[in-house]
């Protein structure tokens, strides 16, 4: 109520994201199997809570989950719809166990599939709250929240001739909104390819609802190839971005197949 009344979207989004993570942990706990017995034996002990989790996945997120003896299974179409946004190798369909049109998953992986939808669901619930008035004591807390916002939120802007897909991602972050995993991957790979350093890119994500400098820096260093096996990830192609609804093409995009090429053709013809 206080966040809604304060009218600060960034704080509301951070709250909804944290609530989504909390709900995600509850779902994982209910689906999780521990012990030496089979998952079918586990169902007998925790059948009620586990069935509730499965019902939530089915009714709220239209994700039908089938229990196997030691894992969970979802339809390939459901998996591709949600898993396509993950760039880790283990999420590629060719690296998954698939039988009769069903993809095998652990409890953690099953819940992670609906992470984005869970965040959006809770966020929409918060936005739909209609508050006409609150007590004076609550008004004081609202003023405290606004004061805190003025002292902590920053507007970080980047100048330059960026392709519209990159501009869109930057604008989302500048508004303090939650950019998808694929959108963040696009920004990171594009800016690194343009010669920016990890130190220069980190501040761009500061207004993200789930911002954590340590994690952000770690992920950027991993993408840049300075951590891990030294693999430097490349900027995704325009076709890939279209499949993830991250393409916002304009006439100047004509003839390019990767955002890195944006502007080069026009300059050559100038």
Protein backbone atom coordinates (compact mmCIF):
# COMPACT_ATOMS: atom_id res chain seq x y z
CA UNK A 1 0.00 0.00 0.00
CA UNK A 2 2.80 2.42 0.92
CA UNK A 3 4.70 1.74 -2.29
CA UNK A 4 1.59 2.13 -4.41
CA UNK A 5 0.70 5.41 -2.72
CA UNK A 6 4.24 6.76 -3.09
CA UNK A 7 3.87 6.60 -6.86
CA UNK A 8 7.46 5.47 -7.42
CA UNK A 9 7.37 2.74 -10.12
CA UNK A 10 10.97 1.65 -9.56
CA UNK A 11 10.36 0.77 -5.91
CA UNK A 12 7.11 -1.02 -6.76
CA UNK A 13 8.89 -3.08 -9.40
CA UNK A 14 11.68 -3.98 -7.00
CA UNK A 15 9.12 -5.06 -4.43
CA UNK A 16 7.19 -7.16 -6.95
CA UNK A 17 10.41 -8.78 -8.12
CA UNK A 18 11.38 -9.72 -4.57
CA UNK A 19 7.90 -11.10 -3.92
CA UNK A 20 8.16 -13.09 -7.14
CA UNK A 21 11.45 -14.60 -5.97
CA UNK A 22 9.86 -15.47 -2.63
CA UNK A 23 6.92 -17.16 -4.36
CA UNK A 24 9.40 -18.95 -6.61
CA UNK A 25 11.18 -20.38 -3.57
CA UNK A 26 7.88 -21.64 -2.16
CA UNK A 27 7.07 -23.37 -5.43
CA UNK A 28 10.53 -24.96 -5.53
CA UNK A 29 10.16 -26.17 -1.97
CA UNK A 30 6.81 -27.79 -2.70
CA UNK A 31 8.06 -29.47 -5.87
CA UNK A 32 11.46 -30.44 -4.51
CA UNK A 33 12.28 -34.03 -3.81
CA UNK A 34 14.81 -34.99 -1.13
CA UNK A 35 15.64 -38.38 0.29
CA UNK A 36 16.52 -41.83 -0.93
CA UNK A 37 13.10 -42.89 -2.14
CA UNK A 38 11.55 -42.26 -5.53
CA UNK A 39 9.62 -39.12 -6.32
CA UNK A 40 6.43 -41.18 -6.27
CA UNK A 41 7.10 -42.03 -2.62
CA UNK A 42 7.75 -38.35 -1.98
CA UNK A 43 4.32 -37.50 -3.40
CA UNK A 44 2.71 -39.71 -0.77
CA UNK A 45 4.42 -37.69 1.98
CA UNK A 46 3.98 -34.24 0.48
CA UNK A 47 1.23 -34.89 -2.00
CA UNK A 48 -1.01 -32.05 -0.96
CA UNK A 49 1.57 -29.25 -1.12
CA UNK A 50 3.09 -30.61 -4.32
CA UNK A 51 -0.28 -30.89 -6.01
CA UNK A 52 -0.98 -27.28 -5.05
CA UNK A 53 2.24 -26.20 -6.78
CA UNK A 54 1.33 -28.18 -9.90
CA UNK A 55 -2.15 -26.63 -9.90
CA UNK A 56 -0.65 -23.14 -9.67
CA UNK A 57 1.64 -23.83 -12.62
CA UNK A 58 -1.28 -25.18 -14.63
CA UNK A 59 -3.98 -22.66 -13.73
CA UNK A 60 -1.99 -19.44 -13.38
CA UNK A 61 0.69 -19.99 -16.03
CA UNK A 62 -0.85 -22.55 -18.39
CA UNK A 63 2.10 -24.88 -17.85
CA UNK A 64 1.18 -28.55 -17.59
CA UNK A 65 3.82 -30.43 -15.63
CA UNK A 66 3.95 -34.22 -15.64
CA UNK A 67 5.69 -36.00 -12.78
CA UNK A 68 8.21 -38.68 -13.67
CA UNK A 69 9.91 -41.05 -11.26
CA UNK A 70 12.86 -38.76 -10.57
CA UNK A 71 12.06 -35.54 -12.44
CA UNK A 72 9.35 -33.42 -14.05
CA UNK A 73 8.32 -33.18 -17.69
CA UNK A 74 6.81 -30.40 -19.81
CA UNK A 75 5.77 -30.26 -23.44
CA UNK A 76 8.48 -29.28 -25.91
CA UNK A 77 6.34 -26.36 -27.12
CA UNK A 78 5.97 -25.02 -23.56
CA UNK A 79 9.69 -25.46 -22.98
CA UNK A 80 10.71 -23.64 -26.16
CA UNK A 81 8.28 -20.80 -25.50
CA UNK A 82 9.93 -20.05 -22.16
CA UNK A 83 13.40 -21.59 -22.36
CA UNK A 84 14.34 -19.74 -25.56
CA UNK A 85 15.14 -16.67 -23.45
CA UNK A 86 17.91 -18.47 -21.54
CA UNK A 87 21.37 -18.40 -23.07
CA UNK A 88 23.13 -20.98 -20.90
CA UNK A 89 24.11 -24.10 -22.81
CA UNK A 90 22.18 -26.42 -20.54
CA UNK A 91 18.94 -24.76 -21.63
CA UNK A 92 19.46 -25.54 -25.31
CA UNK A 93 16.97 -28.19 -26.38
CA UNK A 94 19.73 -30.35 -27.89
CA UNK A 95 21.25 -30.63 -24.41
CA UNK A 96 18.04 -31.78 -22.75
CA UNK A 97 16.58 -35.23 -22.30
CA UNK A 98 13.46 -35.43 -24.48
CA UNK A 99 11.08 -38.36 -24.83
CA UNK A 100 7.75 -38.49 -26.65
CA UNK A 101 7.55 -34.72 -26.97
CA UNK A 102 8.30 -34.07 -23.29
CA UNK A 103 11.37 -32.32 -21.84
CA UNK A 104 12.78 -33.59 -18.53
CA UNK A 105 13.48 -30.96 -15.84
CA UNK A 106 14.44 -30.69 -12.19
CA UNK A 107 12.17 -28.89 -9.74
CA UNK A 108 14.36 -25.76 -9.88
CA UNK A 109 14.34 -25.72 -13.67
CA UNK A 110 10.58 -26.22 -13.79
CA UNK A 111 9.94 -23.17 -11.63
CA UNK A 112 12.55 -21.07 -13.42
CA UNK A 113 10.61 -21.50 -16.64
CA UNK A 114 7.84 -19.29 -15.29
CA UNK A 115 10.07 -16.73 -13.52
CA UNK A 116 9.27 -13.89 -15.92
CA UNK A 117 5.54 -14.64 -15.89
CA UNK A 118 5.52 -14.84 -12.09
CA UNK A 119 7.14 -11.42 -11.83
CA UNK A 120 4.65 -9.94 -14.30
CA UNK A 121 1.70 -11.49 -12.45
CA UNK A 122 2.67 -10.01 -9.09
CA UNK A 123 3.53 -6.67 -10.69
CA UNK A 124 0.11 -6.49 -12.33
CA UNK A 125 -1.58 -7.25 -8.99
CA UNK A 126 0.24 -4.33 -7.38
CA UNK A 127 -0.62 -1.98 -10.23
CA UNK A 128 -4.30 -2.92 -10.04
CA UNK A 129 -4.59 -1.84 -6.38
CA UNK A 130 -6.88 1.18 -6.04
CA UNK A 131 -6.18 3.30 -2.95
CA UNK A 132 -8.24 6.44 -2.42
CA UNK A 133 -6.92 7.55 0.97
CA UNK A 134 -4.67 6.38 3.81
CA UNK A 135 -4.25 7.43 7.49
CA UNK A 136 -1.95 10.35 8.34
CA UNK A 137 0.55 8.01 9.99
CA UNK A 138 0.87 6.15 6.68
CA UNK A 139 1.34 9.46 4.88
CA UNK A 140 4.49 10.04 6.92
CA UNK A 141 5.89 6.71 5.76
CA UNK A 142 5.02 7.60 2.17
CA UNK A 143 7.02 10.82 2.49
CA UNK A 144 9.92 8.81 3.91
CA UNK A 145 9.82 6.52 0.87
CA UNK A 146 9.85 9.49 -1.51
CA UNK A 147 12.81 11.01 0.34
CA UNK A 148 14.65 7.71 0.11
CA UNK A 149 13.92 7.50 -3.60
CA UNK A 150 15.35 10.97 -4.23
CA UNK A 151 18.57 10.00 -2.48
CA UNK A 152 19.10 6.56 -4.02
CA UNK A 153 17.72 6.47 -7.56
CA UNK A 154 19.94 7.66 -10.37
CA UNK A 155 19.34 8.35 -14.02
CA UNK A 156 22.21 6.89 -16.01
CA UNK A 157 22.16 7.81 -19.69
CA UNK A 158 24.28 6.68 -22.61
CA UNK A 159 24.75 8.71 -25.74
CA UNK A 160 25.62 7.41 -29.16
CA UNK A 161 24.08 6.08 -32.35
CA UNK A 162 22.57 2.83 -31.17
CA UNK A 163 20.23 0.50 -33.07
CA UNK A 164 16.59 0.70 -31.92
CA UNK A 165 16.73 -2.66 -30.12
CA UNK A 166 19.60 -1.41 -27.97
CA UNK A 167 17.98 1.99 -27.44
CA UNK A 168 14.82 0.25 -26.26
CA UNK A 169 16.75 -1.79 -23.70
CA UNK A 170 18.55 1.28 -22.39
CA UNK A 171 15.28 3.21 -22.10
CA UNK A 172 13.69 0.35 -20.15
CA UNK A 173 16.54 0.41 -17.65
CA UNK A 174 16.52 4.21 -17.41
CA UNK A 175 12.85 4.01 -16.40
CA UNK A 176 13.78 1.55 -13.66
CA UNK A 177 11.84 -1.27 -15.29
CA UNK A 178 12.81 -4.93 -15.40
CA UNK A 179 14.54 -5.80 -18.67
CA UNK A 180 14.34 -9.45 -19.71
CA UNK A 181 17.34 -11.75 -19.53
CA UNK A 182 17.59 -11.72 -23.32
CA UNK A 183 17.43 -7.92 -23.38
CA UNK A 184 20.25 -7.66 -20.86
CA UNK A 185 22.31 -10.16 -22.81
CA UNK A 186 21.80 -8.05 -25.95
CA UNK A 187 22.96 -4.86 -24.22
CA UNK A 188 25.99 -6.53 -22.68
CA UNK A 189 27.21 -8.22 -25.87
CA UNK A 190 26.53 -5.17 -28.04
CA UNK A 191 28.27 -2.66 -25.77
CA UNK A 192 31.23 -4.97 -25.25
CA UNK A 193 31.52 -5.40 -29.02
CA UNK A 194 31.48 -1.61 -29.38
CA UNK A 195 34.53 -1.42 -27.15
CA UNK A 196 33.00 -0.46 -23.82
CA UNK A 197 34.51 -1.99 -20.70
CA UNK A 198 32.73 -3.84 -17.91
CA UNK A 199 33.30 -0.83 -15.62
CA UNK A 200 31.58 1.42 -18.16
CA UNK A 201 28.59 -0.91 -18.61
CA UNK A 202 27.83 -1.78 -14.98
CA UNK A 203 26.19 1.61 -14.14
CA UNK A 204 23.68 1.10 -16.95
CA UNK A 205 21.96 -1.59 -14.89
CA UNK A 206 21.88 0.38 -11.63
CA UNK A 207 18.17 1.21 -11.81
CA UNK A 208 17.11 -2.37 -12.59
CA UNK A 209 14.68 -3.65 -9.93
CA UNK A 210 16.96 -6.58 -9.08
CA UNK A 211 20.26 -4.69 -9.37
CA UNK A 212 23.20 -6.18 -7.51
CA UNK A 213 26.57 -4.74 -8.48
CA UNK A 214 28.54 -7.87 -7.61
CA UNK A 215 26.28 -10.17 -9.63
CA UNK A 216 26.04 -7.70 -12.52
CA UNK A 217 29.81 -7.38 -12.72
CA UNK A 218 30.27 -11.14 -12.52
CA UNK A 219 27.81 -11.74 -15.36
CA UNK A 220 29.38 -9.06 -17.55
CA UNK A 221 32.86 -10.46 -16.96
CA UNK A 222 31.57 -13.93 -17.85
CA UNK A 223 29.99 -12.63 -21.08
CA UNK A 224 33.16 -10.73 -21.96
CA UNK A 225 35.24 -13.89 -21.62
CA UNK A 226 37.40 -12.62 -18.78
CA UNK A 227 35.89 -15.26 -16.47
CA UNK A 228 35.06 -18.92 -16.92
CA UNK A 229 36.44 -20.74 -19.95
CA UNK A 230 37.35 -17.52 -21.71
CA UNK A 231 34.45 -17.68 -24.17
CA UNK A 232 33.42 -14.23 -25.36
CA UNK A 233 29.74 -14.22 -26.26
CA UNK A 234 28.65 -12.58 -29.49
CA UNK A 235 25.81 -10.13 -30.00
CA UNK A 236 22.66 -12.05 -31.05
CA UNK A 237 21.50 -11.77 -34.65
CA UNK A 238 18.49 -9.77 -35.79
CA UNK A 239 16.60 -13.01 -36.48
CA UNK A 240 17.25 -14.14 -32.92
CA UNK A 241 16.02 -10.82 -31.55
CA UNK A 242 12.88 -11.03 -33.68
CA UNK A 243 12.10 -14.45 -32.22
CA UNK A 244 12.41 -12.95 -28.73
CA UNK A 245 10.31 -9.85 -29.49
CA UNK A 246 13.33 -7.59 -29.04
CA UNK A 247 13.46 -6.23 -32.59
CA UNK A 248 12.18 -2.68 -33.15
CA UNK A 249 13.38 -2.22 -36.72
CA UNK A 250 13.40 1.16 -38.44
CA UNK A 251 14.27 1.97 -42.09
CA UNK A 252 17.93 2.42 -41.15
CA UNK A 253 18.00 -1.25 -40.13
CA UNK A 254 17.38 -2.35 -43.72
CA UNK A 255 19.99 -4.79 -44.96
CA UNK A 256 21.65 -5.64 -41.65
CA UNK A 257 21.58 -9.06 -40.00
CA UNK A 258 23.13 -8.08 -36.66
CA UNK A 259 22.79 -4.93 -34.50
CA UNK A 260 26.57 -4.49 -34.67
CA UNK A 261 26.16 -3.54 -38.34
CA UNK A 262 23.74 -0.71 -37.60
CA UNK A 263 24.91 2.59 -39.08
CA UNK A 264 27.87 1.16 -40.97
CA UNK A 265 26.07 0.74 -44.29
CA UNK A 266 24.58 4.23 -44.15
CA UNK A 267 27.96 5.79 -43.45
CA UNK A 268 29.53 3.89 -46.33
CA UNK A 269 26.94 5.27 -48.74
CA UNK A 270 27.11 8.81 -47.41
